[in-house]
Amino acid sequence: VTLPVDDLVRLTERVREAGLKAKPEVGIQFGAGGASTIEALEAEGTQDVGYAIELAKRHLEAGASMIMIESEGITEQVRSWRTDVVARIVSELPTLDTDMRRSAFLCLVTAKAVSCSVRKACVQ
């Protein structure tokens, strides 16, 4: 299901207002699934990582407690892991010391491993 960005951010706000913790997902490729071939995903292409970063920032401003990073196009069904994408996301999103003052961290979840990347700490 594809929703307009403003609706996704509004959903994050509503989750927070209900006293729950929102954990929206952002990424550079969606909908491929584990059965897709590397060649098919390469032909589909990926979104600009800057778009994912801006969306993550909007979710954080709306009250998200965590940003989940979709593995498709980064570690799932790729020839080599796109660590450059993860590094850019981590470097451009606010840290725990910013004026946002929330315990936000990034988790990259793949079928093979779970690895968390933050500048300070990662607690699950």
PDB file of N, CA and C in Angstrom:
ATOM      1  N   VAL A   1       0.850  -1.173   0.000  1.00  0.00           N
ATOM      2  CA  VAL A   1       0.000   0.000   0.000  1.00  0.00           C
ATOM      3  C   VAL A   1       0.894   1.233   0.000  1.00  0.00           C
ATOM      4  N   THR A   2       0.633   2.129  -0.892  1.00  0.00           N
ATOM      5  CA  THR A   2       1.372   3.380  -0.965  1.00  0.00           C
ATOM      6  C   THR A   2       0.493   4.505  -0.450  1.00  0.00           C
ATOM      7  N   LEU A   3       1.022   5.272   0.482  1.00  0.00           N
ATOM      8  CA  LEU A   3       0.313   6.416   1.038  1.00  0.00           C
ATOM      9  C   LEU A   3       1.099   7.683   0.757  1.00  0.00           C
ATOM     10  N   PRO A   4       0.406   8.810   0.615  1.00  0.00           N
ATOM     11  CA  PRO A   4       1.111  10.075   0.469  1.00  0.00           C
ATOM     12  C   PRO A   4       1.982  10.351   1.700  1.00  0.00           C
ATOM     13  N   VAL A   5       3.112  11.013   1.507  1.00  0.00           N
ATOM     14  CA  VAL A   5       4.060  11.281   2.592  1.00  0.00           C
ATOM     15  C   VAL A   5       3.396  12.030   3.743  1.00  0.00           C
ATOM     16  N   ASP A   6       2.596  13.034   3.435  1.00  0.00           N
ATOM     17  CA  ASP A   6       1.945  13.796   4.501  1.00  0.00           C
ATOM     18  C   ASP A   6       1.063  12.903   5.368  1.00  0.00           C
ATOM     19  N   ASP A   7       0.407  11.925   4.762  1.00  0.00           N
ATOM     20  CA  ASP A   7      -0.428  10.990   5.522  1.00  0.00           C
ATOM     21  C   ASP A   7       0.420  10.091   6.409  1.00  0.00           C
ATOM     22  N   LEU A   8       1.569   9.647   5.911  1.00  0.00           N
ATOM     23  CA  LEU A   8       2.468   8.821   6.724  1.00  0.00           C
ATOM     24  C   LEU A   8       2.955   9.590   7.945  1.00  0.00           C
ATOM     25  N   VAL A   9       3.345  10.837   7.752  1.00  0.00           N
ATOM     26  CA  VAL A   9       3.828  11.653   8.861  1.00  0.00           C
ATOM     27  C   VAL A   9       2.697  11.926   9.845  1.00  0.00           C
ATOM     28  N   ARG A  10       1.515  12.185   9.336  1.00  0.00           N
ATOM     29  CA  ARG A  10       0.356  12.412  10.198  1.00  0.00           C
ATOM     30  C   ARG A  10       0.052  11.160  11.027  1.00  0.00           C
ATOM     31  N   LEU A  11       0.240   9.994  10.445  1.00  0.00           N
ATOM     32  CA  LEU A  11       0.043   8.747  11.177  1.00  0.00           C
ATOM     33  C   LEU A  11       1.036   8.647  12.343  1.00  0.00           C
ATOM     34  N   THR A  12       2.276   9.036  12.110  1.00  0.00           N
ATOM     35  CA  THR A  12       3.270   9.054  13.186  1.00  0.00           C
ATOM     36  C   THR A  12       2.811   9.975  14.314  1.00  0.00           C
ATOM     37  N   GLU A  13       2.289  11.139  13.958  1.00  0.00           N
ATOM     38  CA  GLU A  13       1.779  12.075  14.970  1.00  0.00           C
ATOM     39  C   GLU A  13       0.643  11.458  15.775  1.00  0.00           C
ATOM     40  N   ARG A  14      -0.278  10.802  15.091  1.00  0.00           N
ATOM     41  CA  ARG A  14      -1.434  10.197  15.763  1.00  0.00           C
ATOM     42  C   ARG A  14      -1.013   9.068  16.699  1.00  0.00           C
ATOM     43  N   VAL A  15      -0.031   8.297  16.283  1.00  0.00           N
ATOM     44  CA  VAL A  15       0.478   7.216  17.134  1.00  0.00           C
ATOM     45  C   VAL A  15       1.059   7.808  18.420  1.00  0.00           C
ATOM     46  N   ARG A  16       1.873   8.854  18.281  1.00  0.00           N
ATOM     47  CA  ARG A  16       2.464   9.518  19.446  1.00  0.00           C
ATOM     48  C   ARG A  16       1.385  10.105  20.352  1.00  0.00           C
ATOM     49  N   GLU A  17       0.391  10.767  19.755  1.00  0.00           N
ATOM     50  CA  GLU A  17      -0.694  11.369  20.529  1.00  0.00           C
ATOM     51  C   GLU A  17      -1.495  10.317  21.297  1.00  0.00           C
ATOM     52  N   ALA A  18      -1.515   9.097  20.790  1.00  0.00           N
ATOM     53  CA  ALA A  18      -2.230   8.006  21.466  1.00  0.00           C
ATOM     54  C   ALA A  18      -1.384   7.387  22.588  1.00  0.00           C
ATOM     55  N   GLY A  19      -0.169   7.912  22.782  1.00  0.00           N
ATOM     56  CA  GLY A  19       0.692   7.410  23.832  1.00  0.00           C
ATOM     57  C   GLY A  19       1.508   6.196  23.436  1.00  0.00           C
ATOM     58  N   LEU A  20       1.563   5.924  22.153  1.00  0.00           N
ATOM     59  CA  LEU A  20       2.338   4.793  21.650  1.00  0.00           C
ATOM     60  C   LEU A  20       3.645   5.279  21.034  1.00  0.00           C
ATOM     61  N   LYS A  21       4.539   4.358  20.748  1.00  0.00           N
ATOM     62  CA  LYS A  21       5.810   4.708  20.129  1.00  0.00           C
ATOM     63  C   LYS A  21       5.767   4.360  18.644  1.00  0.00           C
ATOM     64  N   ALA A  22       5.897   5.383  17.822  1.00  0.00           N
ATOM     65  CA  ALA A  22       5.905   5.185  16.370  1.00  0.00           C
ATOM     66  C   ALA A  22       7.296   4.763  15.926  1.00  0.00           C
ATOM     67  N   LYS A  23       7.351   3.779  15.022  1.00  0.00           N
ATOM     68  CA  LYS A  23       8.608   3.302  14.450  1.00  0.00           C
ATOM     69  C   LYS A  23       8.453   3.215  12.932  1.00  0.00           C
ATOM     70  N   PRO A  24       8.358   4.363  12.254  1.00  0.00           N
ATOM     71  CA  PRO A  24       8.161   4.337  10.803  1.00  0.00           C
ATOM     72  C   PRO A  24       9.394   3.816  10.071  1.00  0.00           C
ATOM     73  N   GLU A  25       9.155   3.330   8.870  1.00  0.00           N
ATOM     74  CA  GLU A  25      10.214   2.769   8.041  1.00  0.00           C
ATOM     75  C   GLU A  25      10.463   3.680   6.851  1.00  0.00           C
ATOM     76  N   VAL A  26      11.733   3.919   6.553  1.00  0.00           N
ATOM     77  CA  VAL A  26      12.122   4.666   5.361  1.00  0.00           C
ATOM     78  C   VAL A  26      13.143   3.832   4.604  1.00  0.00           C
ATOM     79  N   GLY A  27      13.327   4.134   3.348  1.00  0.00           N
ATOM     80  CA  GLY A  27      14.290   3.363   2.579  1.00  0.00           C
ATOM     81  C   GLY A  27      14.490   3.936   1.193  1.00  0.00           C
ATOM     82  N   ILE A  28      15.264   3.198   0.404  1.00  0.00           N
ATOM     83  CA  ILE A  28      15.549   3.640  -0.959  1.00  0.00           C
ATOM     84  C   ILE A  28      14.900   2.737  -2.002  1.00  0.00           C
ATOM     85  N   GLN A  29      14.285   1.628  -1.547  1.00  0.00           N
ATOM     86  CA  GLN A  29      13.592   0.721  -2.470  1.00  0.00           C
ATOM     87  C   GLN A  29      12.540  -0.047  -1.677  1.00  0.00           C
ATOM     88  N   PHE A  30      11.336  -0.170  -2.218  1.00  0.00           N
ATOM     89  CA  PHE A  30      10.254  -0.843  -1.514  1.00  0.00           C
ATOM     90  C   PHE A  30       9.524  -1.814  -2.429  1.00  0.00           C
ATOM     91  N   GLY A  31       8.914  -2.819  -1.831  1.00  0.00           N
ATOM     92  CA  GLY A  31       8.019  -3.706  -2.543  1.00  0.00           C
ATOM     93  C   GLY A  31       8.654  -4.814  -3.333  1.00  0.00           C
ATOM     94  N   ALA A  32       9.965  -4.951  -3.246  1.00  0.00           N
ATOM     95  CA  ALA A  32      10.629  -5.963  -4.063  1.00  0.00           C
ATOM     96  C   ALA A  32      10.415  -7.359  -3.500  1.00  0.00           C
ATOM     97  N   GLY A  33      10.588  -7.527  -2.213  1.00  0.00           N
ATOM     98  CA  GLY A  33      10.426  -8.839  -1.599  1.00  0.00           C
ATOM     99  C   GLY A  33      11.649  -9.717  -1.782  1.00  0.00           C
ATOM    100  N   GLY A  34      11.781 -10.699  -0.919  1.00  0.00           N
ATOM    101  CA  GLY A  34      12.941 -11.575  -0.921  1.00  0.00           C
ATOM    102  C   GLY A  34      13.073 -12.463  -2.142  1.00  0.00           C
ATOM    103  N   ALA A  35      11.992 -12.635  -2.894  1.00  0.00           N
ATOM    104  CA  ALA A  35      12.039 -13.522  -4.065  1.00  0.00           C
ATOM    105  C   ALA A  35      12.506 -12.805  -5.330  1.00  0.00           C
ATOM    106  N   SER A  36      12.673 -11.492  -5.256  1.00  0.00           N
ATOM    107  CA  SER A  36      13.114 -10.732  -6.421  1.00  0.00           C
ATOM    108  C   SER A  36      14.585 -11.006  -6.699  1.00  0.00           C
ATOM    109  N   THR A  37      14.932 -11.037  -7.967  1.00  0.00           N
ATOM    110  CA  THR A  37      16.334 -11.259  -8.334  1.00  0.00           C
ATOM    111  C   THR A  37      17.111  -9.948  -8.235  1.00  0.00           C
ATOM    112  N   ILE A  38      18.407 -10.075  -8.093  1.00  0.00           N
ATOM    113  CA  ILE A  38      19.273  -8.900  -8.056  1.00  0.00           C
ATOM    114  C   ILE A  38      19.110  -8.105  -9.347  1.00  0.00           C
ATOM    115  N   GLU A  39      19.052  -8.801 -10.468  1.00  0.00           N
ATOM    116  CA  GLU A  39      18.919  -8.136 -11.765  1.00  0.00           C
ATOM    117  C   GLU A  39      17.614  -7.339 -11.865  1.00  0.00           C
ATOM    118  N   ALA A  40      16.526  -7.914 -11.367  1.00  0.00           N
ATOM    119  CA  ALA A  40      15.239  -7.219 -11.415  1.00  0.00           C
ATOM    120  C   ALA A  40      15.263  -5.959 -10.556  1.00  0.00           C
ATOM    121  N   LEU A  41      15.889  -6.049  -9.391  1.00  0.00           N
ATOM    122  CA  LEU A  41      15.962  -4.893  -8.504  1.00  0.00           C
ATOM    123  C   LEU A  41      16.882  -3.809  -9.070  1.00  0.00           C
ATOM    124  N   GLU A  42      17.961  -4.237  -9.715  1.00  0.00           N
ATOM    125  CA  GLU A  42      18.841  -3.256 -10.355  1.00  0.00           C
ATOM    126  C   GLU A  42      18.102  -2.528 -11.470  1.00  0.00           C
ATOM    127  N   ALA A  43      17.293  -3.255 -12.219  1.00  0.00           N
ATOM    128  CA  ALA A  43      16.523  -2.641 -13.303  1.00  0.00           C
ATOM    129  C   ALA A  43      15.488  -1.654 -12.752  1.00  0.00           C
ATOM    130  N   GLU A  44      14.926  -1.968 -11.581  1.00  0.00           N
ATOM    131  CA  GLU A  44      13.935  -1.101 -10.952  1.00  0.00           C
ATOM    132  C   GLU A  44      14.569   0.196 -10.460  1.00  0.00           C
ATOM    133  N   GLY A  45      15.798   0.109  -9.995  1.00  0.00           N
ATOM    134  CA  GLY A  45      16.485   1.281  -9.468  1.00  0.00           C
ATOM    135  C   GLY A  45      16.087   1.589  -8.041  1.00  0.00           C
ATOM    136  N   THR A  46      16.717   2.607  -7.484  1.00  0.00           N
ATOM    137  CA  THR A  46      16.441   3.009  -6.110  1.00  0.00           C
ATOM    138  C   THR A  46      16.144   4.497  -6.049  1.00  0.00           C
ATOM    139  N   GLN A  47      15.505   4.906  -4.943  1.00  0.00           N
ATOM    140  CA  GLN A  47      15.261   6.322  -4.716  1.00  0.00           C
ATOM    141  C   GLN A  47      16.540   6.961  -4.181  1.00  0.00           C
ATOM    142  N   ASP A  48      16.602   8.258  -4.257  1.00  0.00           N
ATOM    143  CA  ASP A  48      17.717   8.999  -3.702  1.00  0.00           C
ATOM    144  C   ASP A  48      17.698   8.888  -2.185  1.00  0.00           C
ATOM    145  N   VAL A  49      18.852   8.639  -1.580  1.00  0.00           N
ATOM    146  CA  VAL A  49      18.932   8.510  -0.125  1.00  0.00           C
ATOM    147  C   VAL A  49      18.533   9.817   0.561  1.00  0.00           C
ATOM    148  N   GLY A  50      18.731  10.941  -0.098  1.00  0.00           N
ATOM    149  CA  GLY A  50      18.321  12.230   0.469  1.00  0.00           C
ATOM    150  C   GLY A  50      16.830  12.287   0.750  1.00  0.00           C
ATOM    151  N   TYR A  51      16.047  11.661  -0.110  1.00  0.00           N
ATOM    152  CA  TYR A  51      14.591  11.600   0.097  1.00  0.00           C
ATOM    153  C   TYR A  51      14.277  10.827   1.372  1.00  0.00           C
ATOM    154  N   ALA A  52      14.929   9.691   1.567  1.00  0.00           N
ATOM    155  CA  ALA A  52      14.710   8.879   2.766  1.00  0.00           C
ATOM    156  C   ALA A  52      15.113   9.648   4.020  1.00  0.00           C
ATOM    157  N   ILE A  53      16.201  10.392   3.944  1.00  0.00           N
ATOM    158  CA  ILE A  53      16.669  11.176   5.089  1.00  0.00           C
ATOM    159  C   ILE A  53      15.659  12.266   5.445  1.00  0.00           C
ATOM    160  N   GLU A  54      15.168  12.970   4.443  1.00  0.00           N
ATOM    161  CA  GLU A  54      14.185  14.027   4.701  1.00  0.00           C
ATOM    162  C   GLU A  54      12.900  13.453   5.296  1.00  0.00           C
ATOM    163  N   LEU A  55      12.476  12.298   4.805  1.00  0.00           N
ATOM    164  CA  LEU A  55      11.286  11.655   5.355  1.00  0.00           C
ATOM    165  C   LEU A  55      11.532  11.232   6.804  1.00  0.00           C
ATOM    166  N   ALA A  56      12.690  10.688   7.083  1.00  0.00           N
ATOM    167  CA  ALA A  56      13.030  10.293   8.455  1.00  0.00           C
ATOM    168  C   ALA A  56      13.009  11.512   9.379  1.00  0.00           C
ATOM    169  N   LYS A  57      13.546  12.635   8.920  1.00  0.00           N
ATOM    170  CA  LYS A  57      13.543  13.856   9.731  1.00  0.00           C
ATOM    171  C   LYS A  57      12.115  14.302  10.037  1.00  0.00           C
ATOM    172  N   ARG A  58      11.255  14.214   9.045  1.00  0.00           N
ATOM    173  CA  ARG A  58       9.849  14.602   9.258  1.00  0.00           C
ATOM    174  C   ARG A  58       9.189  13.701  10.285  1.00  0.00           C
ATOM    175  N   HIS A  59       9.482  12.398  10.215  1.00  0.00           N
ATOM    176  CA  HIS A  59       8.918  11.471  11.199  1.00  0.00           C
ATOM    177  C   HIS A  59       9.447  11.763  12.606  1.00  0.00           C
ATOM    178  N   LEU A  60      10.733  12.080  12.714  1.00  0.00           N
ATOM    179  CA  LEU A  60      11.297  12.422  14.021  1.00  0.00           C
ATOM    180  C   LEU A  60      10.644  13.680  14.580  1.00  0.00           C
ATOM    181  N   GLU A  61      10.457  14.676  13.734  1.00  0.00           N
ATOM    182  CA  GLU A  61       9.799  15.910  14.163  1.00  0.00           C
ATOM    183  C   GLU A  61       8.361  15.645  14.594  1.00  0.00           C
ATOM    184  N   ALA A  62       7.735  14.631  14.005  1.00  0.00           N
ATOM    185  CA  ALA A  62       6.354  14.282  14.336  1.00  0.00           C
ATOM    186  C   ALA A  62       6.268  13.405  15.586  1.00  0.00           C
ATOM    187  N   GLY A  63       7.423  13.001  16.125  1.00  0.00           N
ATOM    188  CA  GLY A  63       7.410  12.256  17.378  1.00  0.00           C
ATOM    189  C   GLY A  63       7.820  10.802  17.305  1.00  0.00           C
ATOM    190  N   ALA A  64       8.381  10.358  16.191  1.00  0.00           N
ATOM    191  CA  ALA A  64       8.831   8.961  16.095  1.00  0.00           C
ATOM    192  C   ALA A  64       9.926   8.705  17.123  1.00  0.00           C
ATOM    193  N   SER A  65       9.887   7.529  17.743  1.00  0.00           N
ATOM    194  CA  SER A  65      10.906   7.174  18.731  1.00  0.00           C
ATOM    195  C   SER A  65      12.052   6.405  18.095  1.00  0.00           C
ATOM    196  N   MET A  66      11.837   5.917  16.887  1.00  0.00           N
ATOM    197  CA  MET A  66      12.834   5.122  16.175  1.00  0.00           C
ATOM    198  C   MET A  66      12.543   5.228  14.692  1.00  0.00           C
ATOM    199  N   ILE A  67      13.584   5.148  13.884  1.00  0.00           N
ATOM    200  CA  ILE A  67      13.409   5.082  12.435  1.00  0.00           C
ATOM    201  C   ILE A  67      13.935   3.734  11.976  1.00  0.00           C
ATOM    202  N   MET A  68      13.093   2.972  11.319  1.00  0.00           N
ATOM    203  CA  MET A  68      13.515   1.689  10.770  1.00  0.00           C
ATOM    204  C   MET A  68      13.946   1.921   9.324  1.00  0.00           C
ATOM    205  N   ILE A  69      15.058   1.310   8.948  1.00  0.00           N
ATOM    206  CA  ILE A  69      15.586   1.460   7.600  1.00  0.00           C
ATOM    207  C   ILE A  69      15.285   0.183   6.820  1.00  0.00           C
ATOM    208  N   GLU A  70      14.516   0.315   5.740  1.00  0.00           N
ATOM    209  CA  GLU A  70      14.184  -0.825   4.882  1.00  0.00           C
ATOM    210  C   GLU A  70      15.459  -1.366   4.245  1.00  0.00           C
ATOM    211  N   SER A  71      15.646  -2.670   4.313  1.00  0.00           N
ATOM    212  CA  SER A  71      16.884  -3.282   3.809  1.00  0.00           C
ATOM    213  C   SER A  71      16.923  -3.415   2.288  1.00  0.00           C
ATOM    214  N   GLU A  72      15.769  -3.398   1.622  1.00  0.00           N
ATOM    215  CA  GLU A  72      15.753  -3.543   0.166  1.00  0.00           C
ATOM    216  C   GLU A  72      16.552  -2.430  -0.491  1.00  0.00           C
ATOM    217  N   GLY A  73      17.444  -2.816  -1.367  1.00  0.00           N
ATOM    218  CA  GLY A  73      18.297  -1.861  -2.052  1.00  0.00           C
ATOM    219  C   GLY A  73      19.545  -1.495  -1.269  1.00  0.00           C
ATOM    220  N   ILE A  74      19.613  -1.954  -0.020  1.00  0.00           N
ATOM    221  CA  ILE A  74      20.777  -1.654   0.819  1.00  0.00           C
ATOM    222  C   ILE A  74      21.550  -2.929   1.140  1.00  0.00           C
ATOM    223  N   THR A  75      20.859  -3.917   1.713  1.00  0.00           N
ATOM    224  CA  THR A  75      21.516  -5.199   2.027  1.00  0.00           C
ATOM    225  C   THR A  75      20.782  -6.399   1.454  1.00  0.00           C
ATOM    226  N   GLU A  76      19.530  -6.219   1.096  1.00  0.00           N
ATOM    227  CA  GLU A  76      18.713  -7.337   0.623  1.00  0.00           C
ATOM    228  C   GLU A  76      18.752  -7.436  -0.900  1.00  0.00           C
ATOM    229  N   GLN A  77      19.164  -8.603  -1.400  1.00  0.00           N
ATOM    230  CA  GLN A  77      19.215  -8.870  -2.834  1.00  0.00           C
ATOM    231  C   GLN A  77      20.024  -7.817  -3.590  1.00  0.00           C
ATOM    232  N   VAL A  78      21.229  -7.520  -3.097  1.00  0.00           N
ATOM    233  CA  VAL A  78      22.150  -6.613  -3.777  1.00  0.00           C
ATOM    234  C   VAL A  78      23.483  -7.331  -3.964  1.00  0.00           C
ATOM    235  N   ARG A  79      24.255  -6.895  -4.909  1.00  0.00           N
ATOM    236  CA  ARG A  79      25.563  -7.525  -5.153  1.00  0.00           C
ATOM    237  C   ARG A  79      26.535  -7.246  -4.009  1.00  0.00           C
ATOM    238  N   SER A  80      26.484  -6.040  -3.490  1.00  0.00           N
ATOM    239  CA  SER A  80      27.286  -5.709  -2.305  1.00  0.00           C
ATOM    240  C   SER A  80      26.479  -4.743  -1.442  1.00  0.00           C
ATOM    241  N   TRP A  81      26.659  -4.855  -0.136  1.00  0.00           N
ATOM    242  CA  TRP A  81      25.911  -4.018   0.788  1.00  0.00           C
ATOM    243  C   TRP A  81      26.210  -2.550   0.548  1.00  0.00           C
ATOM    244  N   ARG A  82      25.184  -1.728   0.589  1.00  0.00           N
ATOM    245  CA  ARG A  82      25.312  -0.280   0.382  1.00  0.00           C
ATOM    246  C   ARG A  82      25.578   0.415   1.722  1.00  0.00           C
ATOM    247  N   THR A  83      26.733   0.173   2.280  1.00  0.00           N
ATOM    248  CA  THR A  83      27.082   0.788   3.555  1.00  0.00           C
ATOM    249  C   THR A  83      27.172   2.309   3.430  1.00  0.00           C
ATOM    250  N   ASP A  84      27.404   2.807   2.216  1.00  0.00           N
ATOM    251  CA  ASP A  84      27.423   4.251   2.000  1.00  0.00           C
ATOM    252  C   ASP A  84      26.071   4.877   2.304  1.00  0.00           C
ATOM    253  N   VAL A  85      24.996   4.147   1.999  1.00  0.00           N
ATOM    254  CA  VAL A  85      23.646   4.642   2.268  1.00  0.00           C
ATOM    255  C   VAL A  85      23.419   4.734   3.774  1.00  0.00           C
ATOM    256  N   VAL A  86      23.760   3.668   4.494  1.00  0.00           N
ATOM    257  CA  VAL A  86      23.581   3.660   5.942  1.00  0.00           C
ATOM    258  C   VAL A  86      24.426   4.761   6.576  1.00  0.00           C
ATOM    259  N   ALA A  87      25.665   4.896   6.144  1.00  0.00           N
ATOM    260  CA  ALA A  87      26.546   5.921   6.707  1.00  0.00           C
ATOM    261  C   ALA A  87      25.976   7.324   6.488  1.00  0.00           C
ATOM    262  N   ARG A  88      25.425   7.562   5.318  1.00  0.00           N
ATOM    263  CA  ARG A  88      24.871   8.896   5.051  1.00  0.00           C
ATOM    264  C   ARG A  88      23.636   9.155   5.907  1.00  0.00           C
ATOM    265  N   ILE A  89      22.780   8.146   6.052  1.00  0.00           N
ATOM    266  CA  ILE A  89      21.587   8.303   6.888  1.00  0.00           C
ATOM    267  C   ILE A  89      21.997   8.618   8.322  1.00  0.00           C
ATOM    268  N   VAL A  90      22.922   7.844   8.857  1.00  0.00           N
ATOM    269  CA  VAL A  90      23.365   8.056  10.235  1.00  0.00           C
ATOM    270  C   VAL A  90      24.011   9.422  10.393  1.00  0.00           C
ATOM    271  N   SER A  91      24.810   9.841   9.425  1.00  0.00           N
ATOM    272  CA  SER A  91      25.519  11.121   9.557  1.00  0.00           C
ATOM    273  C   SER A  91      24.592  12.319   9.419  1.00  0.00           C
ATOM    274  N   GLU A  92      23.485  12.177   8.702  1.00  0.00           N
ATOM    275  CA  GLU A  92      22.622  13.335   8.456  1.00  0.00           C
ATOM    276  C   GLU A  92      21.407  13.432   9.361  1.00  0.00           C
ATOM    277  N   LEU A  93      21.118  12.371  10.101  1.00  0.00           N
ATOM    278  CA  LEU A  93      20.002  12.456  11.035  1.00  0.00           C
ATOM    279  C   LEU A  93      20.512  12.968  12.377  1.00  0.00           C
ATOM    280  N   PRO A  94      19.638  13.628  13.131  1.00  0.00           N
ATOM    281  CA  PRO A  94      20.064  14.179  14.414  1.00  0.00           C
ATOM    282  C   PRO A  94      20.469  13.080  15.393  1.00  0.00           C
ATOM    283  N   THR A  95      21.404  13.418  16.269  1.00  0.00           N
ATOM    284  CA  THR A  95      21.840  12.472  17.294  1.00  0.00           C
ATOM    285  C   THR A  95      21.018  12.686  18.553  1.00  0.00           C
ATOM    286  N   LEU A  96      21.311  11.920  19.554  1.00  0.00           N
ATOM    287  CA  LEU A  96      20.566  12.014  20.809  1.00  0.00           C
ATOM    288  C   LEU A  96      20.786  13.352  21.503  1.00  0.00           C
ATOM    289  N   ASP A  97      21.840  14.094  21.140  1.00  0.00           N
ATOM    290  CA  ASP A  97      22.151  15.355  21.797  1.00  0.00           C
ATOM    291  C   ASP A  97      21.504  16.566  21.130  1.00  0.00           C
ATOM    292  N   THR A  98      20.728  16.387  20.102  1.00  0.00           N
ATOM    293  CA  THR A  98      20.155  17.531  19.405  1.00  0.00           C
ATOM    294  C   THR A  98      18.967  18.084  20.163  1.00  0.00           C
ATOM    295  N   ASP A  99      18.425  19.171  19.668  1.00  0.00           N
ATOM    296  CA  ASP A  99      17.272  19.785  20.307  1.00  0.00           C
ATOM    297  C   ASP A  99      16.026  18.928  20.187  1.00  0.00           C
ATOM    298  N   MET A 100      16.083  17.861  19.429  1.00  0.00           N
ATOM    299  CA  MET A 100      14.906  16.999  19.302  1.00  0.00           C
ATOM    300  C   MET A 100      14.690  16.209  20.594  1.00  0.00           C
ATOM    301  N   ARG A 101      15.753  15.936  21.337  1.00  0.00           N
ATOM    302  CA  ARG A 101      15.698  15.291  22.641  1.00  0.00           C
ATOM    303  C   ARG A 101      14.842  14.027  22.672  1.00  0.00           C
ATOM    304  N   ARG A 102      15.062  13.144  21.777  1.00  0.00           N
ATOM    305  CA  ARG A 102      14.354  11.861  21.841  1.00  0.00           C
ATOM    306  C   ARG A 102      15.334  10.735  21.565  1.00  0.00           C
ATOM    307  N   SER A 103      15.001   9.598  22.045  1.00  0.00           N
ATOM    308  CA  SER A 103      15.877   8.438  21.904  1.00  0.00           C
ATOM    309  C   SER A 103      15.647   7.782  20.551  1.00  0.00           C
ATOM    310  N   ALA A 104      16.076   8.452  19.525  1.00  0.00           N
ATOM    311  CA  ALA A 104      15.893   7.916  18.184  1.00  0.00           C
ATOM    312  C   ALA A 104      17.148   7.171  17.767  1.00  0.00           C
ATOM    313  N   PHE A 105      16.976   6.046  17.170  1.00  0.00           N
ATOM    314  CA  PHE A 105      18.109   5.331  16.606  1.00  0.00           C
ATOM    315  C   PHE A 105      17.667   4.596  15.361  1.00  0.00           C
ATOM    316  N   LEU A 106      18.643   4.168  14.608  1.00  0.00           N
ATOM    317  CA  LEU A 106      18.382   3.522  13.337  1.00  0.00           C
ATOM    318  C   LEU A 106      18.666   2.041  13.451  1.00  0.00           C
ATOM    319  N   CYS A 107      17.782   1.240  12.953  1.00  0.00           N
ATOM    320  CA  CYS A 107      18.034  -0.195  12.919  1.00  0.00           C
ATOM    321  C   CYS A 107      17.901  -0.679  11.482  1.00  0.00           C
ATOM    322  N   LEU A 108      18.908  -1.350  11.048  1.00  0.00           N
ATOM    323  CA  LEU A 108      18.900  -1.951   9.722  1.00  0.00           C
ATOM    324  C   LEU A 108      18.683  -3.434   9.929  1.00  0.00           C
ATOM    325  N   VAL A 109      17.543  -3.933   9.514  1.00  0.00           N
ATOM    326  CA  VAL A 109      17.184  -5.313   9.761  1.00  0.00           C
ATOM    327  C   VAL A 109      17.213  -6.069   8.436  1.00  0.00           C
ATOM    328  N   THR A 110      17.942  -7.135   8.420  1.00  0.00           N
ATOM    329  CA  THR A 110      17.978  -7.973   7.233  1.00  0.00           C
ATOM    330  C   THR A 110      17.600  -9.390   7.614  1.00  0.00           C
ATOM    331  N   ALA A 111      17.394 -10.219   6.643  1.00  0.00           N
ATOM    332  CA  ALA A 111      17.072 -11.618   6.915  1.00  0.00           C
ATOM    333  C   ALA A 111      18.267 -12.342   7.524  1.00  0.00           C
ATOM    334  N   LYS A 112      19.464 -11.820   7.295  1.00  0.00           N
ATOM    335  CA  LYS A 112      20.673 -12.488   7.768  1.00  0.00           C
ATOM    336  C   LYS A 112      21.147 -11.984   9.121  1.00  0.00           C
ATOM    337  N   ALA A 113      20.928 -10.718   9.416  1.00  0.00           N
ATOM    338  CA  ALA A 113      21.495 -10.147  10.641  1.00  0.00           C
ATOM    339  C   ALA A 113      20.729  -8.902  11.047  1.00  0.00           C
ATOM    340  N   VAL A 114      20.901  -8.534  12.281  1.00  0.00           N
ATOM    341  CA  VAL A 114      20.358  -7.278  12.781  1.00  0.00           C
ATOM    342  C   VAL A 114      21.548  -6.468  13.256  1.00  0.00           C
ATOM    343  N   SER A 115      21.716  -5.291  12.697  1.00  0.00           N
ATOM    344  CA  SER A 115      22.810  -4.431  13.151  1.00  0.00           C
ATOM    345  C   SER A 115      22.276  -3.032  13.360  1.00  0.00           C
ATOM    346  N   CYS A 116      22.590  -2.455  14.492  1.00  0.00           N
ATOM    347  CA  CYS A 116      22.133  -1.110  14.799  1.00  0.00           C
ATOM    348  C   CYS A 116      23.289  -0.147  14.670  1.00  0.00           C
ATOM    349  N   SER A 117      23.008   1.014  14.108  1.00  0.00           N
ATOM    350  CA  SER A 117      24.034   2.025  13.926  1.00  0.00           C
ATOM    351  C   SER A 117      23.564   3.348  14.531  1.00  0.00           C
ATOM    352  N   VAL A 118      24.276   3.797  15.503  1.00  0.00           N
ATOM    353  CA  VAL A 118      24.032   5.108  16.070  1.00  0.00           C
ATOM    354  C   VAL A 118      25.355   5.694  16.489  1.00  0.00           C
ATOM    355  N   ARG A 119      25.354   6.949  16.783  1.00  0.00           N
ATOM    356  CA  ARG A 119      26.586   7.581  17.228  1.00  0.00           C
ATOM    357  C   ARG A 119      26.819   7.370  18.718  1.00  0.00           C
ATOM    358  N   LYS A 120      25.791   7.148  19.488  1.00  0.00           N
ATOM    359  CA  LYS A 120      25.927   7.030  20.946  1.00  0.00           C
ATOM    360  C   LYS A 120      25.695   5.593  21.411  1.00  0.00           C
ATOM    361  N   ALA A 121      24.449   5.141  21.338  1.00  0.00           N
ATOM    362  CA  ALA A 121      24.136   3.818  21.883  1.00  0.00           C
ATOM    363  C   ALA A 121      22.967   3.223  21.135  1.00  0.00           C
ATOM    364  N   CYS A 122      22.893   1.944  21.141  1.00  0.00           N
ATOM    365  CA  CYS A 122      21.783   1.237  20.507  1.00  0.00           C
ATOM    366  C   CYS A 122      21.260   0.224  21.510  1.00  0.00           C
ATOM    367  N   VAL A 123      20.034   0.428  21.920  1.00  0.00           N
ATOM    368  CA  VAL A 123      19.432  -0.470  22.890  1.00  0.00           C
ATOM    369  C   VAL A 123      18.170  -1.040  22.275  1.00  0.00           C
ATOM    370  N   GLN A 124      18.047  -2.335  22.349  1.00  0.00           N
ATOM    371  CA  GLN A 124      16.824  -2.958  21.831  1.00  0.00           C
ATOM    372  C   GLN A 124      16.053  -3.589  22.954  1.00  0.00           C
TER     373      GLN A 124
END
